[in-house]
């Protein structure tokens, strides 16, 4: 005796719901991805600036970082935002910034970044 096998899979309503959730996740991801790419560019530029010349002063580090920021089209960080400190025998350069990404209506995403490099 053969039993009637029930259909398996998504109904139309659950397909629409699942698609809507995936579309929202993709849109948020596409909005946030450039900010994280910029963060990694800042982090890499900061480390490269410190590794260039071991005997740079704080002003020279800021100027060098400013040139790197300009050449890499980094918009969120300016030369004056960079803090250079000497901690023990190490030179630590750091920069913090926020990025507000408008989504829809009055909804926005706030991203806070801190990049730090040490030599």
PDB file of N, CA and C in Angstrom:
ATOM      1  N   UNK A   1       0.841  -1.162   0.000  1.00  0.00           N
ATOM      2  CA  UNK A   1       0.000   0.000   0.000  1.00  0.00           C
ATOM      3  C   UNK A   1       0.895   1.236   0.000  1.00  0.00           C
ATOM      4  N   UNK A   2       0.684   2.120  -0.930  1.00  0.00           N
ATOM      5  CA  UNK A   2       1.513   3.320  -1.084  1.00  0.00           C
ATOM      6  C   UNK A   2       0.883   4.476  -0.312  1.00  0.00           C
ATOM      7  N   UNK A   3       1.689   5.097   0.512  1.00  0.00           N
ATOM      8  CA  UNK A   3       1.206   6.261   1.258  1.00  0.00           C
ATOM      9  C   UNK A   3       1.394   7.508   0.409  1.00  0.00           C
ATOM     10  N   UNK A   4       0.432   8.401   0.539  1.00  0.00           N
ATOM     11  CA  UNK A   4       0.531   9.661  -0.182  1.00  0.00           C
ATOM     12  C   UNK A   4       1.648  10.492   0.466  1.00  0.00           C
ATOM     13  N   UNK A   5       2.581  10.857  -0.327  1.00  0.00           N
ATOM     14  CA  UNK A   5       3.715  11.612   0.182  1.00  0.00           C
ATOM     15  C   UNK A   5       3.376  13.105   0.148  1.00  0.00           C
ATOM     16  N   UNK A   6       3.585  13.786   1.270  1.00  0.00           N
ATOM     17  CA  UNK A   6       3.271  15.218   1.312  1.00  0.00           C
ATOM     18  C   UNK A   6       4.376  15.997   0.600  1.00  0.00           C
ATOM     19  N   UNK A   7       3.972  17.095   0.039  1.00  0.00           N
ATOM     20  CA  UNK A   7       4.949  17.920  -0.659  1.00  0.00           C
ATOM     21  C   UNK A   7       5.862  18.605   0.346  1.00  0.00           C
ATOM     22  N   UNK A   8       7.091  18.754  -0.036  1.00  0.00           N
ATOM     23  CA  UNK A   8       8.056  19.431   0.808  1.00  0.00           C
ATOM     24  C   UNK A   8       8.578  20.656   0.077  1.00  0.00           C
ATOM     25  N   UNK A   9       8.965  21.659   0.838  1.00  0.00           N
ATOM     26  CA  UNK A   9       9.503  22.863   0.233  1.00  0.00           C
ATOM     27  C   UNK A   9       8.874  24.096   0.842  1.00  0.00           C
ATOM     28  N   UNK A  10       9.151  25.222   0.249  1.00  0.00           N
ATOM     29  CA  UNK A  10       8.646  26.489   0.751  1.00  0.00           C
ATOM     30  C   UNK A  10       7.302  26.824   0.121  1.00  0.00           C
ATOM     31  N   UNK A  11       6.422  27.348   0.939  1.00  0.00           N
ATOM     32  CA  UNK A  11       5.197  27.892   0.385  1.00  0.00           C
ATOM     33  C   UNK A  11       5.511  29.259  -0.204  1.00  0.00           C
ATOM     34  N   UNK A  12       4.579  29.838  -0.915  1.00  0.00           N
ATOM     35  CA  UNK A  12       4.805  31.140  -1.529  1.00  0.00           C
ATOM     36  C   UNK A  12       5.064  32.208  -0.471  1.00  0.00           C
ATOM     37  N   UNK A  13       4.305  32.177   0.621  1.00  0.00           N
ATOM     38  CA  UNK A  13       4.470  33.174   1.671  1.00  0.00           C
ATOM     39  C   UNK A  13       5.843  33.044   2.347  1.00  0.00           C
ATOM     40  N   UNK A  14       6.279  31.825   2.644  1.00  0.00           N
ATOM     41  CA  UNK A  14       7.589  31.681   3.270  1.00  0.00           C
ATOM     42  C   UNK A  14       8.712  31.993   2.294  1.00  0.00           C
ATOM     43  N   UNK A  15       8.511  31.782   1.004  1.00  0.00           N
ATOM     44  CA  UNK A  15       9.504  32.165   0.011  1.00  0.00           C
ATOM     45  C   UNK A  15       9.657  33.685  -0.038  1.00  0.00           C
ATOM     46  N   UNK A  16       8.543  34.404  -0.022  1.00  0.00           N
ATOM     47  CA  UNK A  16       8.579  35.873  -0.034  1.00  0.00           C
ATOM     48  C   UNK A  16       9.243  36.389   1.241  1.00  0.00           C
ATOM     49  N   UNK A  17       8.907  35.831   2.389  1.00  0.00           N
ATOM     50  CA  UNK A  17       9.495  36.254   3.667  1.00  0.00           C
ATOM     51  C   UNK A  17      11.001  36.002   3.682  1.00  0.00           C
ATOM     52  N   UNK A  18      11.419  34.841   3.262  1.00  0.00           N
ATOM     53  CA  UNK A  18      12.838  34.500   3.226  1.00  0.00           C
ATOM     54  C   UNK A  18      13.591  35.406   2.257  1.00  0.00           C
ATOM     55  N   UNK A  19      13.004  35.655   1.112  1.00  0.00           N
ATOM     56  CA  UNK A  19      13.630  36.542   0.126  1.00  0.00           C
ATOM     57  C   UNK A  19      13.776  37.957   0.675  1.00  0.00           C
ATOM     58  N   UNK A  20      12.756  38.464   1.359  1.00  0.00           N
ATOM     59  CA  UNK A  20      12.811  39.815   1.927  1.00  0.00           C
ATOM     60  C   UNK A  20      13.919  39.922   2.969  1.00  0.00           C
ATOM     61  N   UNK A  21      14.046  38.928   3.823  1.00  0.00           N
ATOM     62  CA  UNK A  21      15.095  38.942   4.844  1.00  0.00           C
ATOM     63  C   UNK A  21      16.472  38.910   4.191  1.00  0.00           C
ATOM     64  N   UNK A  22      16.660  38.068   3.194  1.00  0.00           N
ATOM     65  CA  UNK A  22      17.951  37.982   2.508  1.00  0.00           C
ATOM     66  C   UNK A  22      18.283  39.277   1.769  1.00  0.00           C
ATOM     67  N   UNK A  23      17.289  39.929   1.177  1.00  0.00           N
ATOM     68  CA  UNK A  23      17.509  41.196   0.479  1.00  0.00           C
ATOM     69  C   UNK A  23      17.926  42.277   1.469  1.00  0.00           C
ATOM     70  N   UNK A  24      17.281  42.349   2.629  1.00  0.00           N
ATOM     71  CA  UNK A  24      17.648  43.344   3.647  1.00  0.00           C
ATOM     72  C   UNK A  24      19.071  43.106   4.138  1.00  0.00           C
ATOM     73  N   UNK A  25      19.437  41.865   4.387  1.00  0.00           N
ATOM     74  CA  UNK A  25      20.802  41.541   4.829  1.00  0.00           C
ATOM     75  C   UNK A  25      21.815  41.931   3.751  1.00  0.00           C
ATOM     76  N   UNK A  26      21.508  41.658   2.489  1.00  0.00           N
ATOM     77  CA  UNK A  26      22.412  42.016   1.395  1.00  0.00           C
ATOM     78  C   UNK A  26      22.551  43.530   1.266  1.00  0.00           C
ATOM     79  N   UNK A  27      21.457  44.275   1.398  1.00  0.00           N
ATOM     80  CA  UNK A  27      21.528  45.733   1.289  1.00  0.00           C
ATOM     81  C   UNK A  27      22.351  46.343   2.419  1.00  0.00           C
ATOM     82  N   UNK A  28      22.178  45.845   3.630  1.00  0.00           N
ATOM     83  CA  UNK A  28      22.984  46.340   4.759  1.00  0.00           C
ATOM     84  C   UNK A  28      24.453  45.996   4.530  1.00  0.00           C
ATOM     85  N   UNK A  29      24.715  44.807   4.054  1.00  0.00           N
ATOM     86  CA  UNK A  29      26.089  44.402   3.769  1.00  0.00           C
ATOM     87  C   UNK A  29      26.742  45.267   2.701  1.00  0.00           C
ATOM     88  N   UNK A  30      25.993  45.579   1.645  1.00  0.00           N
ATOM     89  CA  UNK A  30      26.534  46.426   0.586  1.00  0.00           C
ATOM     90  C   UNK A  30      26.768  47.854   1.065  1.00  0.00           C
ATOM     91  N   UNK A  31      25.998  48.303   2.039  1.00  0.00           N
ATOM     92  CA  UNK A  31      26.175  49.648   2.587  1.00  0.00           C
ATOM     93  C   UNK A  31      27.375  49.716   3.537  1.00  0.00           C
ATOM     94  N   UNK A  32      27.610  48.643   4.293  1.00  0.00           N
ATOM     95  CA  UNK A  32      28.647  48.625   5.326  1.00  0.00           C
ATOM     96  C   UNK A  32      30.016  48.242   4.756  1.00  0.00           C
ATOM     97  N   UNK A  33      30.054  47.457   3.710  1.00  0.00           N
ATOM     98  CA  UNK A  33      31.313  46.952   3.160  1.00  0.00           C
ATOM     99  C   UNK A  33      32.317  48.048   2.803  1.00  0.00           C
ATOM    100  N   UNK A  34      31.952  49.136   2.120  1.00  0.00           N
ATOM    101  CA  UNK A  34      32.945  50.174   1.810  1.00  0.00           C
ATOM    102  C   UNK A  34      33.568  50.815   3.055  1.00  0.00           C
ATOM    103  N   UNK A  35      32.805  50.947   4.134  1.00  0.00           N
ATOM    104  CA  UNK A  35      33.345  51.517   5.366  1.00  0.00           C
ATOM    105  C   UNK A  35      34.426  50.606   5.949  1.00  0.00           C
ATOM    106  N   UNK A  36      34.224  49.305   5.886  1.00  0.00           N
ATOM    107  CA  UNK A  36      35.235  48.376   6.402  1.00  0.00           C
ATOM    108  C   UNK A  36      36.449  48.293   5.487  1.00  0.00           C
ATOM    109  N   UNK A  37      36.243  48.431   4.181  1.00  0.00           N
ATOM    110  CA  UNK A  37      37.378  48.476   3.258  1.00  0.00           C
ATOM    111  C   UNK A  37      38.225  49.706   3.561  1.00  0.00           C
ATOM    112  N   UNK A  38      37.572  50.839   3.836  1.00  0.00           N
ATOM    113  CA  UNK A  38      38.295  52.054   4.192  1.00  0.00           C
ATOM    114  C   UNK A  38      39.037  51.883   5.518  1.00  0.00           C
ATOM    115  N   UNK A  39      38.423  51.208   6.482  1.00  0.00           N
ATOM    116  CA  UNK A  39      39.078  50.947   7.766  1.00  0.00           C
ATOM    117  C   UNK A  39      40.375  50.163   7.571  1.00  0.00           C
ATOM    118  N   UNK A  40      40.326  49.112   6.763  1.00  0.00           N
ATOM    119  CA  UNK A  40      41.534  48.316   6.537  1.00  0.00           C
ATOM    120  C   UNK A  40      42.587  49.109   5.761  1.00  0.00           C
ATOM    121  N   UNK A  41      42.170  50.018   4.883  1.00  0.00           N
ATOM    122  CA  UNK A  41      43.119  50.879   4.173  1.00  0.00           C
ATOM    123  C   UNK A  41      43.803  51.841   5.142  1.00  0.00           C
ATOM    124  N   UNK A  42      43.049  52.391   6.097  1.00  0.00           N
ATOM    125  CA  UNK A  42      43.631  53.289   7.101  1.00  0.00           C
ATOM    126  C   UNK A  42      44.614  52.523   7.979  1.00  0.00           C
ATOM    127  N   UNK A  43      44.216  51.340   8.410  1.00  0.00           N
ATOM    128  CA  UNK A  43      45.082  50.522   9.254  1.00  0.00           C
ATOM    129  C   UNK A  43      46.393  50.177   8.531  1.00  0.00           C
ATOM    130  N   UNK A  44      46.293  49.817   7.273  1.00  0.00           N
ATOM    131  CA  UNK A  44      47.476  49.472   6.489  1.00  0.00           C
ATOM    132  C   UNK A  44      48.367  50.702   6.265  1.00  0.00           C
ATOM    133  N   UNK A  45      47.769  51.846   5.976  1.00  0.00           N
ATOM    134  CA  UNK A  45      48.537  53.077   5.768  1.00  0.00           C
ATOM    135  C   UNK A  45      49.235  53.516   7.052  1.00  0.00           C
ATOM    136  N   UNK A  46      48.562  53.353   8.172  1.00  0.00           N
ATOM    137  CA  UNK A  46      49.155  53.723   9.462  1.00  0.00           C
ATOM    138  C   UNK A  46      50.389  52.867   9.754  1.00  0.00           C
ATOM    139  N   UNK A  47      50.268  51.570   9.535  1.00  0.00           N
ATOM    140  CA  UNK A  47      51.396  50.670   9.777  1.00  0.00           C
ATOM    141  C   UNK A  47      52.538  50.946   8.807  1.00  0.00           C
ATOM    142  N   UNK A  48      52.218  51.195   7.545  1.00  0.00           N
ATOM    143  CA  UNK A  48      53.260  51.479   6.554  1.00  0.00           C
ATOM    144  C   UNK A  48      53.968  52.793   6.864  1.00  0.00           C
ATOM    145  N   UNK A  49      53.227  53.775   7.363  1.00  0.00           N
ATOM    146  CA  UNK A  49      53.833  55.060   7.715  1.00  0.00           C
ATOM    147  C   UNK A  49      54.829  54.894   8.850  1.00  0.00           C
ATOM    148  N   UNK A  50      54.480  54.119   9.844  1.00  0.00           N
ATOM    149  CA  UNK A  50      55.405  53.906  10.965  1.00  0.00           C
ATOM    150  C   UNK A  50      56.621  53.083  10.563  1.00  0.00           C
ATOM    151  N   UNK A  51      56.458  52.171   9.613  1.00  0.00           N
ATOM    152  CA  UNK A  51      57.571  51.311   9.197  1.00  0.00           C
ATOM    153  C   UNK A  51      58.512  51.983   8.209  1.00  0.00           C
ATOM    154  N   UNK A  52      58.096  53.118   7.597  1.00  0.00           N
ATOM    155  CA  UNK A  52      58.920  53.781   6.587  1.00  0.00           C
ATOM    156  C   UNK A  52      60.254  54.247   7.139  1.00  0.00           C
ATOM    157  N   UNK A  53      60.212  55.092   8.131  1.00  0.00           N
ATOM    158  CA  UNK A  53      61.444  55.667   8.677  1.00  0.00           C
ATOM    159  C   UNK A  53      61.364  55.575  10.189  1.00  0.00           C
ATOM    160  N   UNK A  54      62.351  55.001  10.790  1.00  0.00           N
ATOM    161  CA  UNK A  54      62.313  54.758  12.234  1.00  0.00           C
ATOM    162  C   UNK A  54      62.546  56.013  13.063  1.00  0.00           C
ATOM    163  N   UNK A  55      63.083  57.073  12.481  1.00  0.00           N
ATOM    164  CA  UNK A  55      63.425  58.267  13.247  1.00  0.00           C
ATOM    165  C   UNK A  55      62.536  59.457  12.923  1.00  0.00           C
ATOM    166  N   UNK A  56      61.271  59.220  12.712  1.00  0.00           N
ATOM    167  CA  UNK A  56      60.349  60.313  12.392  1.00  0.00           C
ATOM    168  C   UNK A  56      59.788  60.927  13.668  1.00  0.00           C
ATOM    169  N   UNK A  57      59.566  62.236  13.606  1.00  0.00           N
ATOM    170  CA  UNK A  57      58.891  62.908  14.715  1.00  0.00           C
ATOM    171  C   UNK A  57      57.381  62.758  14.518  1.00  0.00           C
ATOM    172  N   UNK A  58      56.619  63.198  15.511  1.00  0.00           N
ATOM    173  CA  UNK A  58      55.161  63.091  15.440  1.00  0.00           C
ATOM    174  C   UNK A  58      54.613  63.898  14.268  1.00  0.00           C
ATOM    175  N   UNK A  59      55.168  65.076  14.023  1.00  0.00           N
ATOM    176  CA  UNK A  59      54.714  65.918  12.908  1.00  0.00           C
ATOM    177  C   UNK A  59      55.024  65.257  11.575  1.00  0.00           C
ATOM    178  N   UNK A  60      56.193  64.663  11.452  1.00  0.00           N
ATOM    179  CA  UNK A  60      56.559  63.972  10.214  1.00  0.00           C
ATOM    180  C   UNK A  60      55.668  62.756   9.971  1.00  0.00           C
ATOM    181  N   UNK A  61      55.316  62.054  11.037  1.00  0.00           N
ATOM    182  CA  UNK A  61      54.411  60.903  10.906  1.00  0.00           C
ATOM    183  C   UNK A  61      53.045  61.366  10.424  1.00  0.00           C
ATOM    184  N   UNK A  62      52.534  62.456  10.997  1.00  0.00           N
ATOM    185  CA  UNK A  62      51.241  62.982  10.574  1.00  0.00           C
ATOM    186  C   UNK A  62      51.273  63.435   9.112  1.00  0.00           C
ATOM    187  N   UNK A  63      52.349  64.116   8.716  1.00  0.00           N
ATOM    188  CA  UNK A  63      52.456  64.576   7.330  1.00  0.00           C
ATOM    189  C   UNK A  63      52.530  63.406   6.356  1.00  0.00           C
ATOM    190  N   UNK A  64      53.307  62.396   6.701  1.00  0.00           N
ATOM    191  CA  UNK A  64      53.422  61.209   5.855  1.00  0.00           C
ATOM    192  C   UNK A  64      52.090  60.482   5.752  1.00  0.00           C
ATOM    193  N   UNK A  65      51.410  60.382   6.877  1.00  0.00           N
ATOM    194  CA  UNK A  65      50.095  59.738   6.868  1.00  0.00           C
ATOM    195  C   UNK A  65      49.098  60.559   6.053  1.00  0.00           C
ATOM    196  N   UNK A  66      49.191  61.869   6.129  1.00  0.00           N
ATOM    197  CA  UNK A  66      48.313  62.726   5.333  1.00  0.00           C
ATOM    198  C   UNK A  66      48.498  62.497   3.844  1.00  0.00           C
ATOM    199  N   UNK A  67      49.746  62.328   3.413  1.00  0.00           N
ATOM    200  CA  UNK A  67      50.005  62.037   1.992  1.00  0.00           C
ATOM    201  C   UNK A  67      49.428  60.675   1.597  1.00  0.00           C
ATOM    202  N   UNK A  68      49.554  59.700   2.487  1.00  0.00           N
ATOM    203  CA  UNK A  68      48.986  58.372   2.189  1.00  0.00           C
ATOM    204  C   UNK A  68      47.458  58.422   2.136  1.00  0.00           C
ATOM    205  N   UNK A  69      46.863  59.191   3.029  1.00  0.00           N
ATOM    206  CA  UNK A  69      45.396  59.325   3.044  1.00  0.00           C
ATOM    207  C   UNK A  69      44.919  59.961   1.738  1.00  0.00           C
ATOM    208  N   UNK A  70      45.621  61.001   1.297  1.00  0.00           N
ATOM    209  CA  UNK A  70      45.232  61.668   0.054  1.00  0.00           C
ATOM    210  C   UNK A  70      45.391  60.759  -1.155  1.00  0.00           C
ATOM    211  N   UNK A  71      46.441  59.962  -1.181  1.00  0.00           N
ATOM    212  CA  UNK A  71      46.690  59.112  -2.349  1.00  0.00           C
ATOM    213  C   UNK A  71      45.756  57.903  -2.395  1.00  0.00           C
ATOM    214  N   UNK A  72      45.185  57.516  -1.260  1.00  0.00           N
ATOM    215  CA  UNK A  72      44.306  56.342  -1.233  1.00  0.00           C
ATOM    216  C   UNK A  72      42.824  56.705  -1.178  1.00  0.00           C
ATOM    217  N   UNK A  73      42.487  57.981  -1.342  1.00  0.00           N
ATOM    218  CA  UNK A  73      41.108  58.452  -1.364  1.00  0.00           C
ATOM    219  C   UNK A  73      40.340  58.076  -0.096  1.00  0.00           C
ATOM    220  N   UNK A  74      40.963  58.253   1.028  1.00  0.00           N
ATOM    221  CA  UNK A  74      40.318  58.000   2.315  1.00  0.00           C
ATOM    222  C   UNK A  74      39.656  59.294   2.754  1.00  0.00           C
ATOM    223  N   UNK A  75      38.341  59.246   2.956  1.00  0.00           N
ATOM    224  CA  UNK A  75      37.583  60.463   3.253  1.00  0.00           C
ATOM    225  C   UNK A  75      37.279  60.655   4.732  1.00  0.00           C
ATOM    226  N   UNK A  76      37.229  59.601   5.493  1.00  0.00           N
ATOM    227  CA  UNK A  76      36.772  59.689   6.885  1.00  0.00           C
ATOM    228  C   UNK A  76      37.838  60.181   7.849  1.00  0.00           C
ATOM    229  N   UNK A  77      39.099  60.077   7.484  1.00  0.00           N
ATOM    230  CA  UNK A  77      40.197  60.426   8.384  1.00  0.00           C
ATOM    231  C   UNK A  77      40.990  61.576   7.767  1.00  0.00           C
ATOM    232  N   UNK A  78      41.315  62.541   8.595  1.00  0.00           N
ATOM    233  CA  UNK A  78      42.149  63.663   8.170  1.00  0.00           C
ATOM    234  C   UNK A  78      43.489  63.602   8.911  1.00  0.00           C
ATOM    235  N   UNK A  79      44.436  64.325   8.399  1.00  0.00           N
ATOM    236  CA  UNK A  79      45.786  64.326   8.961  1.00  0.00           C
ATOM    237  C   UNK A  79      45.797  64.733  10.437  1.00  0.00           C
ATOM    238  N   UNK A  80      44.961  65.688  10.803  1.00  0.00           N
ATOM    239  CA  UNK A  80      44.918  66.171  12.181  1.00  0.00           C
ATOM    240  C   UNK A  80      44.271  65.209  13.164  1.00  0.00           C
ATOM    241  N   UNK A  81      43.605  64.187  12.674  1.00  0.00           N
ATOM    242  CA  UNK A  81      42.939  63.211  13.547  1.00  0.00           C
ATOM    243  C   UNK A  81      43.901  62.188  14.137  1.00  0.00           C
ATOM    244  N   UNK A  82      45.105  62.108  13.611  1.00  0.00           N
ATOM    245  CA  UNK A  82      46.052  61.072  14.001  1.00  0.00           C
ATOM    246  C   UNK A  82      46.747  61.478  15.299  1.00  0.00           C
ATOM    247  N   UNK A  83      46.737  60.573  16.263  1.00  0.00           N
ATOM    248  CA  UNK A  83      47.406  60.796  17.546  1.00  0.00           C
ATOM    249  C   UNK A  83      48.657  59.932  17.598  1.00  0.00           C
ATOM    250  N   UNK A  84      49.779  60.574  17.861  1.00  0.00           N
ATOM    251  CA  UNK A  84      51.058  59.863  17.938  1.00  0.00           C
ATOM    252  C   UNK A  84      51.583  60.015  19.359  1.00  0.00           C
ATOM    253  N   UNK A  85      51.874  58.874  19.993  1.00  0.00           N
ATOM    254  CA  UNK A  85      52.364  58.876  21.367  1.00  0.00           C
ATOM    255  C   UNK A  85      53.560  57.940  21.476  1.00  0.00           C
ATOM    256  N   UNK A  86      54.414  58.241  22.433  1.00  0.00           N
ATOM    257  CA  UNK A  86      55.520  57.335  22.736  1.00  0.00           C
ATOM    258  C   UNK A  86      55.170  56.622  24.029  1.00  0.00           C
ATOM    259  N   UNK A  87      55.069  55.297  23.944  1.00  0.00           N
ATOM    260  CA  UNK A  87      54.747  54.469  25.101  1.00  0.00           C
ATOM    261  C   UNK A  87      55.942  53.566  25.353  1.00  0.00           C
ATOM    262  N   UNK A  88      56.715  53.915  26.375  1.00  0.00           N
ATOM    263  CA  UNK A  88      57.947  53.166  26.645  1.00  0.00           C
ATOM    264  C   UNK A  88      58.922  53.386  25.505  1.00  0.00           C
ATOM    265  N   UNK A  89      59.350  52.326  24.858  1.00  0.00           N
ATOM    266  CA  UNK A  89      60.249  52.433  23.710  1.00  0.00           C
ATOM    267  C   UNK A  89      59.507  52.374  22.385  1.00  0.00           C
ATOM    268  N   UNK A  90      58.206  52.234  22.427  1.00  0.00           N
ATOM    269  CA  UNK A  90      57.419  52.090  21.202  1.00  0.00           C
ATOM    270  C   UNK A  90      56.723  53.401  20.852  1.00  0.00           C
ATOM    271  N   UNK A  91      56.584  53.634  19.552  1.00  0.00           N
ATOM    272  CA  UNK A  91      55.798  54.757  19.046  1.00  0.00           C
ATOM    273  C   UNK A  91      54.459  54.192  18.600  1.00  0.00           C
ATOM    274  N   UNK A  92      53.379  54.756  19.130  1.00  0.00           N
ATOM    275  CA  UNK A  92      52.033  54.273  18.835  1.00  0.00           C
ATOM    276  C   UNK A  92      51.266  55.388  18.129  1.00  0.00           C
ATOM    277  N   UNK A  93      50.757  55.079  16.950  1.00  0.00           N
ATOM    278  CA  UNK A  93      49.915  56.013  16.203  1.00  0.00           C
ATOM    279  C   UNK A  93      48.514  55.428  16.158  1.00  0.00           C
ATOM    280  N   UNK A  94      47.538  56.261  16.466  1.00  0.00           N
ATOM    281  CA  UNK A  94      46.163  55.774  16.456  1.00  0.00           C
ATOM    282  C   UNK A  94      45.238  56.853  15.906  1.00  0.00           C
ATOM    283  N   UNK A  95      44.110  56.405  15.416  1.00  0.00           N
ATOM    284  CA  UNK A  95      43.090  57.313  14.893  1.00  0.00           C
ATOM    285  C   UNK A  95      41.730  56.666  15.133  1.00  0.00           C
ATOM    286  N   UNK A  96      40.772  57.474  15.553  1.00  0.00           N
ATOM    287  CA  UNK A  96      39.399  57.002  15.787  1.00  0.00           C
ATOM    288  C   UNK A  96      38.443  57.873  14.993  1.00  0.00           C
ATOM    289  N   UNK A  97      37.419  57.248  14.455  1.00  0.00           N
ATOM    290  CA  UNK A  97      36.410  58.004  13.727  1.00  0.00           C
ATOM    291  C   UNK A  97      35.097  57.243  13.713  1.00  0.00           C
ATOM    292  N   UNK A  98      34.037  57.980  13.378  1.00  0.00           N
ATOM    293  CA  UNK A  98      32.698  57.404  13.269  1.00  0.00           C
ATOM    294  C   UNK A  98      32.194  57.593  11.857  1.00  0.00           C
ATOM    295  N   UNK A  99      31.382  56.679  11.429  1.00  0.00           N
ATOM    296  CA  UNK A  99      30.777  56.771  10.098  1.00  0.00           C
ATOM    297  C   UNK A  99      29.296  56.489  10.255  1.00  0.00           C
ATOM    298  N   UNK A 100      28.453  57.412   9.813  1.00  0.00           N
ATOM    299  CA  UNK A 100      27.004  57.255   9.858  1.00  0.00           C
ATOM    300  C   UNK A 100      26.541  56.927   8.448  1.00  0.00           C
ATOM    301  N   UNK A 101      25.881  55.788   8.300  1.00  0.00           N
ATOM    302  CA  UNK A 101      25.393  55.343   7.002  1.00  0.00           C
ATOM    303  C   UNK A 101      23.874  55.436   6.984  1.00  0.00           C
ATOM    304  N   UNK A 102      23.355  56.296   6.135  1.00  0.00           N
ATOM    305  CA  UNK A 102      21.907  56.463   6.023  1.00  0.00           C
ATOM    306  C   UNK A 102      21.327  55.242   5.313  1.00  0.00           C
ATOM    307  N   UNK A 103      20.275  54.684   5.857  1.00  0.00           N
ATOM    308  CA  UNK A 103      19.634  53.531   5.227  1.00  0.00           C
ATOM    309  C   UNK A 103      18.350  53.974   4.512  1.00  0.00           C
ATOM    310  N   UNK A 104      17.246  54.078   5.241  1.00  0.00           N
ATOM    311  CA  UNK A 104      15.979  54.549   4.670  1.00  0.00           C
ATOM    312  C   UNK A 104      15.270  55.408   5.700  1.00  0.00           C
ATOM    313  N   UNK A 105      14.566  56.411   5.235  1.00  0.00           N
ATOM    314  CA  UNK A 105      13.812  57.264   6.142  1.00  0.00           C
ATOM    315  C   UNK A 105      14.722  57.868   7.196  1.00  0.00           C
ATOM    316  N   UNK A 106      14.380  57.623   8.453  1.00  0.00           N
ATOM    317  CA  UNK A 106      15.219  58.147   9.538  1.00  0.00           C
ATOM    318  C   UNK A 106      16.076  57.052  10.170  1.00  0.00           C
ATOM    319  N   UNK A 107      16.264  55.961   9.483  1.00  0.00           N
ATOM    320  CA  UNK A 107      17.085  54.854   9.990  1.00  0.00           C
ATOM    321  C   UNK A 107      18.511  54.975   9.457  1.00  0.00           C
ATOM    322  N   UNK A 108      19.473  54.897  10.348  1.00  0.00           N
ATOM    323  CA  UNK A 108      20.884  54.979   9.988  1.00  0.00           C
ATOM    324  C   UNK A 108      21.668  53.940  10.779  1.00  0.00           C
ATOM    325  N   UNK A 109      22.859  53.660  10.301  1.00  0.00           N
ATOM    326  CA  UNK A 109      23.772  52.751  10.997  1.00  0.00           C
ATOM    327  C   UNK A 109      24.990  53.564  11.411  1.00  0.00           C
ATOM    328  N   UNK A 110      25.372  53.475  12.670  1.00  0.00           N
ATOM    329  CA  UNK A 110      26.554  54.162  13.186  1.00  0.00           C
ATOM    330  C   UNK A 110      27.669  53.143  13.357  1.00  0.00           C
ATOM    331  N   UNK A 111      28.788  53.392  12.686  1.00  0.00           N
ATOM    332  CA  UNK A 111      29.958  52.528  12.804  1.00  0.00           C
ATOM    333  C   UNK A 111      31.070  53.326  13.469  1.00  0.00           C
ATOM    334  N   UNK A 112      31.707  52.753  14.476  1.00  0.00           N
ATOM    335  CA  UNK A 112      32.812  53.388  15.162  1.00  0.00           C
ATOM    336  C   UNK A 112      34.075  52.579  14.914  1.00  0.00           C
ATOM    337  N   UNK A 113      35.115  53.258  14.430  1.00  0.00           N
ATOM    338  CA  UNK A 113      36.358  52.595  14.098  1.00  0.00           C
ATOM    339  C   UNK A 113      37.511  53.172  14.911  1.00  0.00           C
ATOM    340  N   UNK A 114      38.469  52.324  15.236  1.00  0.00           N
ATOM    341  CA  UNK A 114      39.727  52.736  15.855  1.00  0.00           C
ATOM    342  C   UNK A 114      40.839  51.907  15.222  1.00  0.00           C
ATOM    343  N   UNK A 115      41.778  52.590  14.595  1.00  0.00           N
ATOM    344  CA  UNK A 115      42.922  51.926  13.993  1.00  0.00           C
ATOM    345  C   UNK A 115      44.163  52.321  14.782  1.00  0.00           C
ATOM    346  N   UNK A 116      45.045  51.369  15.010  1.00  0.00           N
ATOM    347  CA  UNK A 116      46.239  51.614  15.801  1.00  0.00           C
ATOM    348  C   UNK A 116      47.411  50.840  15.208  1.00  0.00           C
ATOM    349  N   UNK A 117      48.563  51.483  15.202  1.00  0.00           N
ATOM    350  CA  UNK A 117      49.777  50.829  14.728  1.00  0.00           C
ATOM    351  C   UNK A 117      50.908  51.158  15.698  1.00  0.00           C
ATOM    352  N   UNK A 118      51.860  50.254  15.795  1.00  0.00           N
ATOM    353  CA  UNK A 118      52.946  50.419  16.768  1.00  0.00           C
ATOM    354  C   UNK A 118      54.263  49.986  16.132  1.00  0.00           C
ATOM    355  N   UNK A 119      55.319  50.703  16.489  1.00  0.00           N
ATOM    356  CA  UNK A 119      56.672  50.263  16.086  1.00  0.00           C
ATOM    357  C   UNK A 119      57.607  50.412  17.248  1.00  0.00           C
TER     358      UNK A 119
END
